[in-house]
C-alpha atoms as a PDB file:
ATOM      1  CA  UNK A   1      -7.605  27.692 -22.008  1.00  0.00           C
ATOM      2  CA  UNK A   2      -8.238  28.861 -18.413  1.00  0.00           C
ATOM      3  CA  UNK A   3      -8.406  26.037 -15.864  1.00  0.00           C
ATOM      4  CA  UNK A   4      -9.996  27.851 -12.919  1.00  0.00           C
ATOM      5  CA  UNK A   5     -13.699  28.102 -12.106  1.00  0.00           C
ATOM      6  CA  UNK A   6     -15.729  31.005 -13.470  1.00  0.00           C
ATOM      7  CA  UNK A   7     -16.804  33.890 -11.234  1.00  0.00           C
ATOM      8  CA  UNK A   8     -20.327  32.484 -10.866  1.00  0.00           C
ATOM      9  CA  UNK A   9     -20.831  28.905  -9.625  1.00  0.00           C
ATOM     10  CA  UNK A  10     -21.200  26.074 -12.100  1.00  0.00           C
ATOM     11  CA  UNK A  11     -24.560  24.302 -11.872  1.00  0.00           C
ATOM     12  CA  UNK A  12     -26.115  20.960 -12.754  1.00  0.00           C
ATOM     13  CA  UNK A  13     -29.869  21.326 -13.241  1.00  0.00           C
ATOM     14  CA  UNK A  14     -29.713  24.473 -11.150  1.00  0.00           C
ATOM     15  CA  UNK A  15     -27.695  22.912  -8.307  1.00  0.00           C
ATOM     16  CA  UNK A  16     -24.411  24.723  -7.607  1.00  0.00           C
ATOM     17  CA  UNK A  17     -21.355  22.481  -7.433  1.00  0.00           C
ATOM     18  CA  UNK A  18     -18.839  25.096  -6.281  1.00  0.00           C
ATOM     19  CA  UNK A  19     -18.745  28.378  -4.418  1.00  0.00           C
ATOM     20  CA  UNK A  20     -18.245  31.598  -6.369  1.00  0.00           C
ATOM     21  CA  UNK A  21     -14.973  32.313  -4.561  1.00  0.00           C
ATOM     22  CA  UNK A  22     -13.658  28.736  -4.767  1.00  0.00           C
ATOM     23  CA  UNK A  23     -10.701  27.966  -7.038  1.00  0.00           C
ATOM     24  CA  UNK A  24     -10.808  24.558  -8.692  1.00  0.00           C
ATOM     25  CA  UNK A  25      -8.978  23.073 -11.641  1.00  0.00           C
ATOM     26  CA  UNK A  26     -11.047  22.160 -14.699  1.00  0.00           C
ATOM     27  CA  UNK A  27     -10.604  18.469 -13.844  1.00  0.00           C
ATOM     28  CA  UNK A  28     -11.807  18.973 -10.271  1.00  0.00           C
ATOM     29  CA  UNK A  29     -14.843  20.892 -11.509  1.00  0.00           C
ATOM     30  CA  UNK A  30     -15.703  18.151 -14.015  1.00  0.00           C
ATOM     31  CA  UNK A  31     -15.361  15.531 -11.276  1.00  0.00           C
ATOM     32  CA  UNK A  32     -17.838  17.403  -9.103  1.00  0.00           C
ATOM     33  CA  UNK A  33     -20.189  17.765 -12.056  1.00  0.00           C
ATOM     34  CA  UNK A  34     -20.105  14.022 -12.750  1.00  0.00           C
ATOM     35  CA  UNK A  35     -20.727  13.218  -9.085  1.00  0.00           C
ATOM     36  CA  UNK A  36     -23.696  15.586  -9.023  1.00  0.00           C
ATOM     37  CA  UNK A  37     -25.133  14.061 -12.220  1.00  0.00           C
ATOM     38  CA  UNK A  38     -25.001  10.633 -10.598  1.00  0.00           C
ATOM     39  CA  UNK A  39     -26.397  11.911  -7.288  1.00  0.00           C
ATOM     40  CA  UNK A  40     -29.378  13.433  -9.054  1.00  0.00           C
ATOM     41  CA  UNK A  41     -29.865  10.287 -11.150  1.00  0.00           C
ATOM     42  CA  UNK A  42     -29.955   8.210  -7.957  1.00  0.00           C
ATOM     43  CA  UNK A  43     -32.658  10.518  -6.611  1.00  0.00           C
ATOM     44  CA  UNK A  44     -34.646  10.213  -9.842  1.00  0.00           C
ATOM     45  CA  UNK A  45     -34.502   6.412  -9.516  1.00  0.00           C
ATOM     46  CA  UNK A  46     -35.786   6.575  -5.944  1.00  0.00           C
ATOM     47  CA  UNK A  47     -32.512   5.304  -4.532  1.00  0.00           C
ATOM     48  CA  UNK A  48     -31.762   8.502  -2.630  1.00  0.00           C
ATOM     49  CA  UNK A  49     -34.201  10.716  -0.710  1.00  0.00           C
ATOM     50  CA  UNK A  50     -34.940  14.175  -2.083  1.00  0.00           C
ATOM     51  CA  UNK A  51     -33.786  15.519   1.287  1.00  0.00           C
ATOM     52  CA  UNK A  52     -30.171  14.714   0.369  1.00  0.00           C
ATOM     53  CA  UNK A  53     -28.562  17.901  -0.899  1.00  0.00           C
ATOM     54  CA  UNK A  54     -25.288  18.660  -2.656  1.00  0.00           C
ATOM     55  CA  UNK A  55     -22.540  19.660  -0.241  1.00  0.00           C
ATOM     56  CA  UNK A  56     -20.659  22.939  -0.588  1.00  0.00           C
ATOM     57  CA  UNK A  57     -17.266  21.175  -0.745  1.00  0.00           C
ATOM     58  CA  UNK A  58     -18.186  18.541  -3.329  1.00  0.00           C
ATOM     59  CA  UNK A  59     -17.987  15.654  -0.849  1.00  0.00           C
ATOM     60  CA  UNK A  60     -20.924  13.267  -1.228  1.00  0.00           C
ATOM     61  CA  UNK A  61     -22.876  12.155   1.812  1.00  0.00           C
ATOM     62  CA  UNK A  62     -22.474   8.529   2.854  1.00  0.00           C
ATOM     63  CA  UNK A  63     -25.992   7.657   1.729  1.00  0.00           C
ATOM     64  CA  UNK A  64     -25.433   9.432  -1.613  1.00  0.00           C
ATOM     65  CA  UNK A  65     -22.265   7.412  -2.232  1.00  0.00           C
ATOM     66  CA  UNK A  66     -24.136   4.207  -1.394  1.00  0.00           C
ATOM     67  CA  UNK A  67     -27.057   5.150  -3.651  1.00  0.00           C
ATOM     68  CA  UNK A  68     -24.723   5.942  -6.551  1.00  0.00           C
ATOM     69  CA  UNK A  69     -23.007   2.579  -6.111  1.00  0.00           C
ATOM     70  CA  UNK A  70     -26.405   0.859  -6.308  1.00  0.00           C
ATOM     71  CA  UNK A  71     -27.367   2.973  -9.324  1.00  0.00           C
ATOM     72  CA  UNK A  72     -24.240   1.979 -11.223  1.00  0.00           C
ATOM     73  CA  UNK A  73     -24.739  -1.689 -10.351  1.00  0.00           C
ATOM     74  CA  UNK A  74     -28.190  -1.448 -11.933  1.00  0.00           C
ATOM     75  CA  UNK A  75     -27.154   0.561 -14.993  1.00  0.00           C
ATOM     76  CA  UNK A  76     -23.804  -0.960 -15.891  1.00  0.00           C
ATOM     77  CA  UNK A  77     -23.526  -4.607 -16.819  1.00  0.00           C
ATOM     78  CA  UNK A  78     -20.055  -5.750 -17.807  1.00  0.00           C
ATOM     79  CA  UNK A  79     -19.871  -8.749 -20.171  1.00  0.00           C
ATOM     80  CA  UNK A  80     -17.279 -11.410 -19.447  1.00  0.00           C
ATOM     81  CA  UNK A  81     -14.396 -11.044 -21.935  1.00  0.00           C
ATOM     82  CA  UNK A  82     -13.968 -14.005 -24.256  1.00  0.00           C
ATOM     83  CA  UNK A  83     -10.862 -16.159 -24.260  1.00  0.00           C
ATOM     84  CA  UNK A  84      -9.915 -14.779 -27.682  1.00  0.00           C
ATOM     85  CA  UNK A  85     -10.214 -11.179 -26.418  1.00  0.00           C
ATOM     86  CA  UNK A  86      -8.045 -12.015 -23.428  1.00  0.00           C
ATOM     87  CA  UNK A  87      -5.368 -13.651 -25.569  1.00  0.00           C
ATOM     88  CA  UNK A  88      -5.284 -10.727 -28.004  1.00  0.00           C
ATOM     89  CA  UNK A  89      -4.962  -8.264 -25.124  1.00  0.00           C
ATOM     90  CA  UNK A  90      -2.158 -10.279 -23.573  1.00  0.00           C
ATOM     91  CA  UNK A  91      -0.299 -10.523 -26.878  1.00  0.00           C
ATOM     92  CA  UNK A  92      -0.524  -6.743 -27.365  1.00  0.00           C
ATOM     93  CA  UNK A  93       0.463  -5.858 -23.773  1.00  0.00           C
ATOM     94  CA  UNK A  94       2.936  -8.545 -22.736  1.00  0.00           C
ATOM     95  CA  UNK A  95       5.263  -6.018 -21.098  1.00  0.00           C
ATOM     96  CA  UNK A  96       2.469  -5.029 -18.719  1.00  0.00           C
ATOM     97  CA  UNK A  97       2.374  -8.566 -17.353  1.00  0.00           C
ATOM     98  CA  UNK A  98       6.125  -9.070 -17.011  1.00  0.00           C
ATOM     99  CA  UNK A  99       7.407  -9.719 -13.512  1.00  0.00           C
ATOM    100  CA  UNK A 100      10.612  -8.497 -11.922  1.00  0.00           C
ATOM    101  CA  UNK A 101      11.107  -5.360 -14.042  1.00  0.00           C
ATOM    102  CA  UNK A 102      13.294  -2.785 -12.288  1.00  0.00           C
ATOM    103  CA  UNK A 103      13.949   0.853 -13.091  1.00  0.00           C
ATOM    104  CA  UNK A 104      16.721   3.093 -11.803  1.00  0.00           C
ATOM    105  CA  UNK A 105      15.302   6.609 -11.642  1.00  0.00           C
ATOM    106  CA  UNK A 106      15.526  10.026 -10.095  1.00  0.00           C
ATOM    107  CA  UNK A 107      12.907  12.727  -9.826  1.00  0.00           C
ATOM    108  CA  UNK A 108      12.107  16.307  -8.885  1.00  0.00           C
ATOM    109  CA  UNK A 109       8.855  16.533  -6.941  1.00  0.00           C
ATOM    110  CA  UNK A 110       6.650  19.620  -7.016  1.00  0.00           C
ATOM    111  CA  UNK A 111       4.309  18.674  -4.176  1.00  0.00           C
ATOM    112  CA  UNK A 112       0.632  19.589  -4.164  1.00  0.00           C
ATOM    113  CA  UNK A 113      -0.182  20.829  -0.677  1.00  0.00           C
ATOM    114  CA  UNK A 114      -3.173  22.582   0.835  1.00  0.00           C
ATOM    115  CA  UNK A 115      -3.570  26.102  -0.497  1.00  0.00           C
ATOM    116  CA  UNK A 116      -0.957  25.764  -3.230  1.00  0.00           C
ATOM    117  CA  UNK A 117      -1.590  27.511  -6.560  1.00  0.00           C
ATOM    118  CA  UNK A 118      -1.866  24.453  -8.836  1.00  0.00           C
ATOM    119  CA  UNK A 119      -1.478  26.408 -12.070  1.00  0.00           C
ATOM    120  CA  UNK A 120       1.656  28.178 -10.845  1.00  0.00           C
ATOM    121  CA  UNK A 121       3.047  24.906  -9.498  1.00  0.00           C
ATOM    122  CA  UNK A 122       2.480  23.124 -12.810  1.00  0.00           C
ATOM    123  CA  UNK A 123       4.116  25.997 -14.679  1.00  0.00           C
ATOM    124  CA  UNK A 124       7.188  25.743 -12.432  1.00  0.00           C
ATOM    125  CA  UNK A 125       7.352  22.001 -13.008  1.00  0.00           C
ATOM    126  CA  UNK A 126       7.033  22.375 -16.793  1.00  0.00           C
ATOM    127  CA  UNK A 127       9.728  25.070 -16.860  1.00  0.00           C
ATOM    128  CA  UNK A 128      12.062  22.811 -14.881  1.00  0.00           C
ATOM    129  CA  UNK A 129      11.281  19.873 -17.183  1.00  0.00           C
ATOM    130  CA  UNK A 130      12.217  21.931 -20.233  1.00  0.00           C
ATOM    131  CA  UNK A 131      15.372  23.200 -18.535  1.00  0.00           C
ATOM    132  CA  UNK A 132      16.736  19.777 -17.555  1.00  0.00           C
ATOM    133  CA  UNK A 133      15.869  18.273 -20.950  1.00  0.00           C
ATOM    134  CA  UNK A 134      17.695  21.022 -22.835  1.00  0.00           C
ATOM    135  CA  UNK A 135      20.950  21.140 -20.884  1.00  0.00           C
ATOM    136  CA  UNK A 136      24.153  20.453 -22.820  1.00  0.00           C
ATOM    137  CA  UNK A 137      25.590  17.925 -20.374  1.00  0.00           C
ATOM    138  CA  UNK A 138      28.373  20.197 -19.121  1.00  0.00           C
ATOM    139  CA  UNK A 139      26.944  19.944 -15.618  1.00  0.00           C
ATOM    140  CA  UNK A 140      24.295  17.895 -13.852  1.00  0.00           C
ATOM    141  CA  UNK A 141      21.376  20.288 -14.051  1.00  0.00           C
ATOM    142  CA  UNK A 142      18.958  17.588 -12.968  1.00  0.00           C
ATOM    143  CA  UNK A 143      20.749  16.975  -9.666  1.00  0.00           C
ATOM    144  CA  UNK A 144      21.069  20.712  -9.059  1.00  0.00           C
ATOM    145  CA  UNK A 145      17.372  21.307  -9.735  1.00  0.00           C
ATOM    146  CA  UNK A 146      16.432  18.398  -7.477  1.00  0.00           C
ATOM    147  CA  UNK A 147      18.571  19.722  -4.641  1.00  0.00           C
ATOM    148  CA  UNK A 148      17.076  23.212  -4.838  1.00  0.00           C
ATOM    149  CA  UNK A 149      13.470  22.618  -5.929  1.00  0.00           C
ATOM    150  CA  UNK A 150      12.320  19.102  -5.048  1.00  0.00           C
ATOM    151  CA  UNK A 151       9.892  18.650  -2.159  1.00  0.00           C
ATOM    152  CA  UNK A 152      11.109  15.075  -1.686  1.00  0.00           C
ATOM    153  CA  UNK A 153      13.914  14.102   0.738  1.00  0.00           C
ATOM    154  CA  UNK A 154      15.629  12.483  -2.251  1.00  0.00           C
ATOM    155  CA  UNK A 155      16.477  16.014  -3.402  1.00  0.00           C
ATOM    156  CA  UNK A 156      19.501  15.891  -1.081  1.00  0.00           C
ATOM    157  CA  UNK A 157      20.755  13.002  -3.219  1.00  0.00           C
ATOM    158  CA  UNK A 158      20.106  14.739  -6.536  1.00  0.00           C
ATOM    159  CA  UNK A 159      16.642  13.226  -6.702  1.00  0.00           C
ATOM    160  CA  UNK A 160      17.988   9.667  -6.835  1.00  0.00           C
ATOM    161  CA  UNK A 161      15.358   7.026  -5.998  1.00  0.00           C
ATOM    162  CA  UNK A 162      17.604   4.022  -6.602  1.00  0.00           C
ATOM    163  CA  UNK A 163      16.340   0.824  -8.187  1.00  0.00           C
ATOM    164  CA  UNK A 164      12.552   0.547  -8.078  1.00  0.00           C
ATOM    165  CA  UNK A 165       9.970  -2.129  -8.750  1.00  0.00           C
ATOM    166  CA  UNK A 166       6.342  -1.340  -9.525  1.00  0.00           C
ATOM    167  CA  UNK A 167       5.438  -2.350  -5.966  1.00  0.00           C
ATOM    168  CA  UNK A 168       7.673   0.425  -4.621  1.00  0.00           C
ATOM    169  CA  UNK A 169       5.641   3.170  -6.312  1.00  0.00           C
ATOM    170  CA  UNK A 170       2.175   4.661  -6.229  1.00  0.00           C
ATOM    171  CA  UNK A 171       0.169   2.985  -9.045  1.00  0.00           C
ATOM    172  CA  UNK A 172      -0.136   6.162 -11.112  1.00  0.00           C
ATOM    173  CA  UNK A 173       3.631   6.726 -10.830  1.00  0.00           C
ATOM    174  CA  UNK A 174       4.432   3.097 -11.674  1.00  0.00           C
ATOM    175  CA  UNK A 175       2.205   3.283 -14.764  1.00  0.00           C
ATOM    176  CA  UNK A 176       4.471   5.962 -16.235  1.00  0.00           C
ATOM    177  CA  UNK A 177       7.750   4.229 -15.348  1.00  0.00           C
ATOM    178  CA  UNK A 178       7.195   0.556 -16.049  1.00  0.00           C
ATOM    179  CA  UNK A 179       6.324  -1.283 -19.241  1.00  0.00           C
ATOM    180  CA  UNK A 180       8.067   1.328 -21.409  1.00  0.00           C
ATOM    181  CA  UNK A 181      11.402   1.464 -23.221  1.00  0.00           C
ATOM    182  CA  UNK A 182      12.241   5.114 -22.523  1.00  0.00           C
ATOM    183  CA  UNK A 183      15.569   5.984 -20.922  1.00  0.00           C
ATOM    184  CA  UNK A 184      16.494   9.565 -20.033  1.00  0.00           C
ATOM    185  CA  UNK A 185      14.366  12.478 -18.883  1.00  0.00           C
ATOM    186  CA  UNK A 186      10.741  11.664 -19.645  1.00  0.00           C
ATOM    187  CA  UNK A 187       9.283  14.229 -22.078  1.00  0.00           C
ATOM    188  CA  UNK A 188       6.204  14.773 -19.893  1.00  0.00           C
ATOM    189  CA  UNK A 189       5.369  15.555 -16.300  1.00  0.00           C
ATOM    190  CA  UNK A 190       4.342  12.533 -14.266  1.00  0.00           C
ATOM    191  CA  UNK A 191       1.245  13.263 -12.190  1.00  0.00           C
ATOM    192  CA  UNK A 192       0.713  11.406  -8.930  1.00  0.00           C
ATOM    193  CA  UNK A 193      -1.240  11.840  -5.705  1.00  0.00           C
ATOM    194  CA  UNK A 194       1.834  13.659  -4.369  1.00  0.00           C
ATOM    195  CA  UNK A 195       2.109  16.257  -7.110  1.00  0.00           C
ATOM    196  CA  UNK A 196       4.038  16.774 -10.352  1.00  0.00           C
ATOM    197  CA  UNK A 197       7.250  14.861 -11.000  1.00  0.00           C
ATOM    198  CA  UNK A 198      10.064  15.551 -13.434  1.00  0.00           C
ATOM    199  CA  UNK A 199      11.507  12.063 -13.922  1.00  0.00           C
ATOM    200  CA  UNK A 200      14.712  10.718 -15.413  1.00  0.00           C
ATOM    201  CA  UNK A 201      15.060   7.003 -16.079  1.00  0.00           C
ATOM    202  CA  UNK A 202      18.734   6.142 -15.658  1.00  0.00           C
ATOM    203  CA  UNK A 203      18.578   2.432 -16.507  1.00  0.00           C
ATOM    204  CA  UNK A 204      16.151  -0.435 -16.973  1.00  0.00           C
ATOM    205  CA  UNK A 205      16.274  -4.125 -16.163  1.00  0.00           C
ATOM    206  CA  UNK A 206      13.513  -5.888 -18.111  1.00  0.00           C
ATOM    207  CA  UNK A 207      11.222  -8.302 -16.333  1.00  0.00           C
ATOM    208  CA  UNK A 208      10.423 -11.850 -17.335  1.00  0.00           C
ATOM    209  CA  UNK A 209       7.505 -12.185 -19.732  1.00  0.00           C
ATOM    210  CA  UNK A 210       4.723 -14.381 -18.377  1.00  0.00           C
ATOM    211  CA  UNK A 211       2.744 -16.914 -20.436  1.00  0.00           C
ATOM    212  CA  UNK A 212      -0.958 -16.213 -20.922  1.00  0.00           C
ATOM    213  CA  UNK A 213      -2.130 -19.007 -18.628  1.00  0.00           C
ATOM    214  CA  UNK A 214      -0.079 -17.605 -15.740  1.00  0.00           C
ATOM    215  CA  UNK A 215      -1.680 -14.166 -15.932  1.00  0.00           C
ATOM    216  CA  UNK A 216      -5.139 -14.926 -17.338  1.00  0.00           C
ATOM    217  CA  UNK A 217      -6.863 -13.684 -14.182  1.00  0.00           C
ATOM    218  CA  UNK A 218      -5.057 -10.349 -14.340  1.00  0.00           C
ATOM    219  CA  UNK A 219      -5.918 -10.003 -18.039  1.00  0.00           C
ATOM    220  CA  UNK A 220      -9.601 -10.659 -17.343  1.00  0.00           C
ATOM    221  CA  UNK A 221      -9.622  -8.040 -14.591  1.00  0.00           C
ATOM    222  CA  UNK A 222      -7.914  -5.499 -16.854  1.00  0.00           C
ATOM    223  CA  UNK A 223     -10.475  -5.999 -19.618  1.00  0.00           C
ATOM    224  CA  UNK A 224     -13.358  -5.825 -17.152  1.00  0.00           C
ATOM    225  CA  UNK A 225     -12.017  -2.549 -15.798  1.00  0.00           C
ATOM    226  CA  UNK A 226     -11.593  -1.153 -19.302  1.00  0.00           C
ATOM    227  CA  UNK A 227     -15.171  -2.132 -20.183  1.00  0.00           C
ATOM    228  CA  UNK A 228     -16.475  -0.607 -16.945  1.00  0.00           C
ATOM    229  CA  UNK A 229     -14.744   2.718 -17.586  1.00  0.00           C
ATOM    230  CA  UNK A 230     -16.155   2.833 -21.124  1.00  0.00           C
ATOM    231  CA  UNK A 231     -19.670   2.018 -19.897  1.00  0.00           C
ATOM    232  CA  UNK A 232     -19.433   4.607 -17.119  1.00  0.00           C
ATOM    233  CA  UNK A 233     -18.379   7.277 -19.610  1.00  0.00           C
ATOM    234  CA  UNK A 234     -21.359   6.433 -21.831  1.00  0.00           C
ATOM    235  CA  UNK A 235     -23.658   6.616 -18.819  1.00  0.00           C
ATOM    236  CA  UNK A 236     -22.301  10.025 -17.831  1.00  0.00           C
ATOM    237  CA  UNK A 237     -22.566  11.241 -21.429  1.00  0.00           C
ATOM    238  CA  UNK A 238     -26.230  10.274 -21.518  1.00  0.00           C
ATOM    239  CA  UNK A 239     -26.954  11.946 -18.173  1.00  0.00           C
ATOM    240  CA  UNK A 240     -25.118  15.073 -19.331  1.00  0.00           C
ATOM    241  CA  UNK A 241     -27.111  15.172 -22.559  1.00  0.00           C
ATOM    242  CA  UNK A 242     -30.361  15.184 -20.565  1.00  0.00           C
ATOM    243  CA  UNK A 243     -29.225  17.782 -17.996  1.00  0.00           C
ATOM    244  CA  UNK A 244     -28.995  21.577 -17.960  1.00  0.00           C
ATOM    245  CA  UNK A 245     -25.312  22.276 -17.351  1.00  0.00           C
ATOM    246  CA  UNK A 246     -23.873  25.734 -16.771  1.00  0.00           C
ATOM    247  CA  UNK A 247     -20.256  26.717 -16.233  1.00  0.00           C
ATOM    248  CA  UNK A 248     -18.555  23.377 -16.879  1.00  0.00           C
ATOM    249  CA  UNK A 249     -17.877  21.435 -20.078  1.00  0.00           C
ATOM    250  CA  UNK A 250     -18.813  17.754 -20.114  1.00  0.00           C
ATOM    251  CA  UNK A 251     -18.978  15.179 -22.886  1.00  0.00           C
ATOM    252  CA  UNK A 252     -22.527  14.389 -23.901  1.00  0.00           C
ATOM    253  CA  UNK A 253     -24.050  11.556 -25.884  1.00  0.00           C
ATOM    254  CA  UNK A 254     -23.478  13.667 -28.998  1.00  0.00           C
ATOM    255  CA  UNK A 255     -19.805  14.284 -28.204  1.00  0.00           C
ATOM    256  CA  UNK A 256     -17.231  11.915 -29.756  1.00  0.00           C
ATOM    257  CA  UNK A 257     -15.388   9.883 -27.153  1.00  0.00           C
ATOM    258  CA  UNK A 258     -11.788  10.889 -26.557  1.00  0.00           C
ATOM    259  CA  UNK A 259      -9.778   7.695 -26.793  1.00  0.00           C
END
């Protein structure tokens, strides 16, 4: 399916959320749509003056951001997870709470920079991923690709990042590397704030599993965050169901949740 914006602007209740000549990914367009739904809901609740208008670049005003924060505090109440829920979560995700895990990895970074064609960049990254996964081992295609295509200084070293801990990485990058058993070229692109990464895990050193009592606070926070995300999605679904939306697809209250 196409990922760019349509020729005419997308609108939420008649309010444009992008310019006709602006190129956005489908995810960026949905993010703007969700922000505008919340901005309008804050106005409807009297938390934001009607004089506040949607910006042309999708960036909320300071008072709109504050009003949305207040709106969500009023609409979303997160129950405290029970001890049994926490223990079950810990038992099912023990690797996530291990300490000292290290991963030896290398990567090829396709950096997202201002003005870059995201679709073309992703296609290049996916082509490279397929290429390095399918090589016959007669040469080091990964190192060669890193040296010629990577936008990271590590490309001069064949993409080698050395031994890493989770603290050494951006959270979204660490999430894909740690707490898994995979070794070799990961079968998917890793997305981070820096761009698209083709990643090869060379070796793993497992961390020490932590008893429940030692990580209870972290488990509680994880379950709270999970509950908040679920509640926020339901809130956005309900707002979407009540709105007139043109040019962007959003889940509504009648749309099954994607787990």
